[in-house]
Amino acid sequence: MLAAYANIVHTVSEEALKRDGRDVTSAERESCLGQKAGLILFDRAAVCPETMHYAERYLLRMGFHTIKAAVKEDGKTQLQLLRALLDAGLIVLTAVNQEDQETVCALLEEERVFCCMGHIAPEEINGILKRLRQWALSLI
């Protein structure tokens, strides 16, 4: 009778630990998560917090690893935090000022950034979520 079946993918040994003591790369993290890092930008002046909640919950239900980054208006702190979260392989939702949009967008390639800048009316949320789904699927 067969009780269990498994494939050994990696073993941990002293030799492996000595040989593989280098930093983990963002590409390795993305590979483990099964998604590429992504950035979703909302307009700080116009976004309703519920819109960000809808977007994050929608992505979570599809199996994506996300986080909302509520950061202060200090641009330097914001960029450092966003860079760390993106290096972790997450899809980051954040609200930025119009004037900071270009700087924040430069953190990733253009196709990995989804912009929801400007005022979003409640009746527009479904359309945005459909576009967001297509964008997120491209990160797999």
C-alpha atoms as a PDB file:
ATOM      1  CA  MET A   1       0.000   0.000   0.000  1.00  0.00           C
ATOM      2  CA  LEU A   2       1.303   3.428  -0.926  1.00  0.00           C
ATOM      3  CA  ALA A   3       1.081   5.785   2.033  1.00  0.00           C
ATOM      4  CA  ALA A   4       2.598   8.920   0.545  1.00  0.00           C
ATOM      5  CA  TYR A   5       4.365  10.159  -2.543  1.00  0.00           C
ATOM      6  CA  ALA A   6       6.580  13.194  -2.948  1.00  0.00           C
ATOM      7  CA  ASN A   7       9.412  14.543  -5.029  1.00  0.00           C
ATOM      8  CA  ILE A   8      12.467  15.939  -3.313  1.00  0.00           C
ATOM      9  CA  VAL A   9      13.104  19.294  -4.925  1.00  0.00           C
ATOM     10  CA  HIS A  10      15.814  20.724  -2.694  1.00  0.00           C
ATOM     11  CA  THR A  11      17.717  19.462   0.295  1.00  0.00           C
ATOM     12  CA  VAL A  12      19.332  21.616   2.927  1.00  0.00           C
ATOM     13  CA  SER A  13      22.858  20.713   3.801  1.00  0.00           C
ATOM     14  CA  GLU A  14      25.904  22.498   5.101  1.00  0.00           C
ATOM     15  CA  GLU A  15      27.346  22.545   1.597  1.00  0.00           C
ATOM     16  CA  ALA A  16      24.239  24.209   0.168  1.00  0.00           C
ATOM     17  CA  LEU A  17      24.227  26.800   2.923  1.00  0.00           C
ATOM     18  CA  LYS A  18      27.872  27.655   2.313  1.00  0.00           C
ATOM     19  CA  ARG A  19      27.408  27.857  -1.440  1.00  0.00           C
ATOM     20  CA  ASP A  20      24.126  29.787  -1.479  1.00  0.00           C
ATOM     21  CA  GLY A  21      24.735  32.540   1.083  1.00  0.00           C
ATOM     22  CA  ARG A  22      24.072  35.361  -1.362  1.00  0.00           C
ATOM     23  CA  ASP A  23      21.228  37.895  -1.260  1.00  0.00           C
ATOM     24  CA  VAL A  24      17.813  36.835  -2.477  1.00  0.00           C
ATOM     25  CA  THR A  25      16.879  38.772  -5.619  1.00  0.00           C
ATOM     26  CA  SER A  26      13.531  40.355  -6.432  1.00  0.00           C
ATOM     27  CA  ALA A  27      13.236  37.945  -9.385  1.00  0.00           C
ATOM     28  CA  GLU A  28      13.561  34.980  -6.991  1.00  0.00           C
ATOM     29  CA  ARG A  29      10.854  36.432  -4.752  1.00  0.00           C
ATOM     30  CA  GLU A  30       8.572  36.974  -7.739  1.00  0.00           C
ATOM     31  CA  SER A  31       9.170  33.393  -8.832  1.00  0.00           C
ATOM     32  CA  CYS A  32       8.200  32.052  -5.395  1.00  0.00           C
ATOM     33  CA  LEU A  33       5.046  34.174  -5.293  1.00  0.00           C
ATOM     34  CA  GLY A  34       4.064  33.241  -8.835  1.00  0.00           C
ATOM     35  CA  GLN A  35       3.580  36.863  -9.873  1.00  0.00           C
ATOM     36  CA  LYS A  36       5.590  39.881 -10.905  1.00  0.00           C
ATOM     37  CA  ALA A  37       5.622  42.960  -8.712  1.00  0.00           C
ATOM     38  CA  GLY A  38       3.147  45.628  -9.733  1.00  0.00           C
ATOM     39  CA  LEU A  39       2.148  49.128  -8.745  1.00  0.00           C
ATOM     40  CA  ILE A  40      -1.372  50.542  -8.714  1.00  0.00           C
ATOM     41  CA  LEU A  41      -1.491  54.320  -8.402  1.00  0.00           C
ATOM     42  CA  PHE A  42      -4.455  56.290  -7.141  1.00  0.00           C
ATOM     43  CA  ASP A  43      -4.778  60.055  -7.003  1.00  0.00           C
ATOM     44  CA  ARG A  44      -4.219  61.144  -3.380  1.00  0.00           C
ATOM     45  CA  ALA A  45      -6.496  64.182  -3.827  1.00  0.00           C
ATOM     46  CA  ALA A  46      -9.399  62.297  -5.424  1.00  0.00           C
ATOM     47  CA  VAL A  47      -9.387  58.678  -4.274  1.00  0.00           C
ATOM     48  CA  CYS A  48     -12.017  57.321  -1.941  1.00  0.00           C
ATOM     49  CA  PRO A  49     -10.511  54.733   0.460  1.00  0.00           C
ATOM     50  CA  GLU A  50     -13.282  52.291  -0.478  1.00  0.00           C
ATOM     51  CA  THR A  51     -12.045  52.263  -4.069  1.00  0.00           C
ATOM     52  CA  MET A  52      -8.636  51.040  -2.922  1.00  0.00           C
ATOM     53  CA  HIS A  53     -10.339  48.438  -0.696  1.00  0.00           C
ATOM     54  CA  TYR A  54     -12.414  47.164  -3.647  1.00  0.00           C
ATOM     55  CA  ALA A  55      -9.330  46.890  -5.839  1.00  0.00           C
ATOM     56  CA  GLU A  56      -7.237  45.086  -3.233  1.00  0.00           C
ATOM     57  CA  ARG A  57     -10.003  42.640  -2.280  1.00  0.00           C
ATOM     58  CA  TYR A  58     -10.667  41.916  -5.962  1.00  0.00           C
ATOM     59  CA  LEU A  59      -6.995  41.047  -6.530  1.00  0.00           C
ATOM     60  CA  LEU A  60      -6.786  38.984  -3.328  1.00  0.00           C
ATOM     61  CA  ARG A  61      -9.777  36.898  -4.412  1.00  0.00           C
ATOM     62  CA  MET A  62      -7.942  36.162  -7.658  1.00  0.00           C
ATOM     63  CA  GLY A  63      -4.963  34.902  -5.638  1.00  0.00           C
ATOM     64  CA  PHE A  64      -2.585  37.848  -5.953  1.00  0.00           C
ATOM     65  CA  HIS A  65      -0.307  38.983  -3.138  1.00  0.00           C
ATOM     66  CA  THR A  66      -1.081  42.644  -2.456  1.00  0.00           C
ATOM     67  CA  ILE A  67      -0.548  45.392   0.086  1.00  0.00           C
ATOM     68  CA  LYS A  68      -1.816  48.928   0.481  1.00  0.00           C
ATOM     69  CA  ALA A  69       0.985  51.359   1.229  1.00  0.00           C
ATOM     70  CA  ALA A  70      -0.415  54.281   3.172  1.00  0.00           C
ATOM     71  CA  VAL A  71       2.577  56.565   3.335  1.00  0.00           C
ATOM     72  CA  LYS A  72       3.178  60.114   4.402  1.00  0.00           C
ATOM     73  CA  GLU A  73       3.709  62.855   1.877  1.00  0.00           C
ATOM     74  CA  ASP A  74       7.483  62.750   2.374  1.00  0.00           C
ATOM     75  CA  GLY A  75       8.525  61.671  -1.127  1.00  0.00           C
ATOM     76  CA  LYS A  76      11.842  60.121  -0.077  1.00  0.00           C
ATOM     77  CA  THR A  77      10.240  57.868   2.539  1.00  0.00           C
ATOM     78  CA  GLN A  78       7.521  56.910   0.102  1.00  0.00           C
ATOM     79  CA  LEU A  79       9.974  55.873  -2.610  1.00  0.00           C
ATOM     80  CA  GLN A  80      12.050  53.786  -0.201  1.00  0.00           C
ATOM     81  CA  LEU A  81       8.974  52.014   1.140  1.00  0.00           C
ATOM     82  CA  LEU A  82       7.516  51.389  -2.304  1.00  0.00           C
ATOM     83  CA  ARG A  83      10.848  50.071  -3.605  1.00  0.00           C
ATOM     84  CA  ALA A  84      11.089  47.608  -0.676  1.00  0.00           C
ATOM     85  CA  LEU A  85       7.530  46.344  -1.194  1.00  0.00           C
ATOM     86  CA  LEU A  86       8.076  45.964  -4.937  1.00  0.00           C
ATOM     87  CA  ASP A  87      11.361  44.126  -4.324  1.00  0.00           C
ATOM     88  CA  ALA A  88       9.337  41.727  -2.169  1.00  0.00           C
ATOM     89  CA  GLY A  89       7.306  40.851  -5.291  1.00  0.00           C
ATOM     90  CA  LEU A  90       4.018  42.357  -4.125  1.00  0.00           C
ATOM     91  CA  ILE A  91       1.360  44.285  -5.988  1.00  0.00           C
ATOM     92  CA  VAL A  92       1.339  47.615  -4.172  1.00  0.00           C
ATOM     93  CA  LEU A  93      -1.657  49.937  -4.063  1.00  0.00           C
ATOM     94  CA  THR A  94      -0.836  53.513  -3.107  1.00  0.00           C
ATOM     95  CA  ALA A  95      -2.120  57.050  -3.431  1.00  0.00           C
ATOM     96  CA  VAL A  96       0.229  59.719  -4.761  1.00  0.00           C
ATOM     97  CA  ASN A  97       0.077  63.394  -5.624  1.00  0.00           C
ATOM     98  CA  GLN A  98      -0.198  64.247  -9.330  1.00  0.00           C
ATOM     99  CA  GLU A  99       3.253  65.844  -9.261  1.00  0.00           C
ATOM    100  CA  ASP A 100       4.856  62.675  -7.771  1.00  0.00           C
ATOM    101  CA  GLN A 101       3.233  60.304 -10.270  1.00  0.00           C
ATOM    102  CA  GLU A 102       6.100  60.316 -12.774  1.00  0.00           C
ATOM    103  CA  THR A 103       8.740  59.711 -10.091  1.00  0.00           C
ATOM    104  CA  VAL A 104       6.806  56.801  -8.595  1.00  0.00           C
ATOM    105  CA  CYS A 105       6.056  55.303 -12.024  1.00  0.00           C
ATOM    106  CA  ALA A 106       9.808  55.166 -12.689  1.00  0.00           C
ATOM    107  CA  LEU A 107      10.161  52.432 -10.026  1.00  0.00           C
ATOM    108  CA  LEU A 108       8.916  49.775 -12.471  1.00  0.00           C
ATOM    109  CA  GLU A 109       8.549  49.187 -16.167  1.00  0.00           C
ATOM    110  CA  GLU A 110       5.524  50.935 -17.652  1.00  0.00           C
ATOM    111  CA  GLU A 111       3.546  47.716 -18.200  1.00  0.00           C
ATOM    112  CA  ARG A 112       3.779  46.903 -14.471  1.00  0.00           C
ATOM    113  CA  VAL A 113       2.099  50.177 -13.412  1.00  0.00           C
ATOM    114  CA  PHE A 114      -1.686  50.626 -13.406  1.00  0.00           C
ATOM    115  CA  CYS A 115      -2.835  54.246 -13.034  1.00  0.00           C
ATOM    116  CA  CYS A 116      -6.179  55.223 -11.530  1.00  0.00           C
ATOM    117  CA  MET A 117      -5.447  58.925 -11.372  1.00  0.00           C
ATOM    118  CA  GLY A 118      -8.274  61.435 -11.175  1.00  0.00           C
ATOM    119  CA  HIS A 119     -11.709  61.188  -9.604  1.00  0.00           C
ATOM    120  CA  ILE A 120     -13.392  57.779  -9.807  1.00  0.00           C
ATOM    121  CA  ALA A 121     -17.180  57.816  -9.665  1.00  0.00           C
ATOM    122  CA  PRO A 122     -18.896  54.828  -7.972  1.00  0.00           C
ATOM    123  CA  GLU A 123     -20.416  53.700 -11.283  1.00  0.00           C
ATOM    124  CA  GLU A 124     -16.909  53.498 -12.809  1.00  0.00           C
ATOM    125  CA  ILE A 125     -15.561  50.970 -10.298  1.00  0.00           C
ATOM    126  CA  ASN A 126     -16.745  47.872 -12.195  1.00  0.00           C
ATOM    127  CA  GLY A 127     -15.050  49.048 -15.392  1.00  0.00           C
ATOM    128  CA  ILE A 128     -11.838  49.802 -13.538  1.00  0.00           C
ATOM    129  CA  LEU A 129     -11.875  46.383 -11.867  1.00  0.00           C
ATOM    130  CA  LYS A 130     -12.243  44.679 -15.268  1.00  0.00           C
ATOM    131  CA  ARG A 131      -9.246  46.622 -16.626  1.00  0.00           C
ATOM    132  CA  LEU A 132      -7.353  45.873 -13.417  1.00  0.00           C
ATOM    133  CA  ARG A 133      -8.020  42.149 -13.862  1.00  0.00           C
ATOM    134  CA  GLN A 134      -6.532  42.157 -17.366  1.00  0.00           C
ATOM    135  CA  TRP A 135      -3.514  44.093 -16.138  1.00  0.00           C
ATOM    136  CA  ALA A 136      -2.975  41.807 -13.134  1.00  0.00           C
ATOM    137  CA  LEU A 137      -3.188  38.664 -15.269  1.00  0.00           C
ATOM    138  CA  SER A 138      -0.299  40.015 -17.326  1.00  0.00           C
ATOM    139  CA  LEU A 139       1.848  39.882 -14.176  1.00  0.00           C
ATOM    140  CA  ILE A 140       1.616  36.101 -13.931  1.00  0.00           C
END
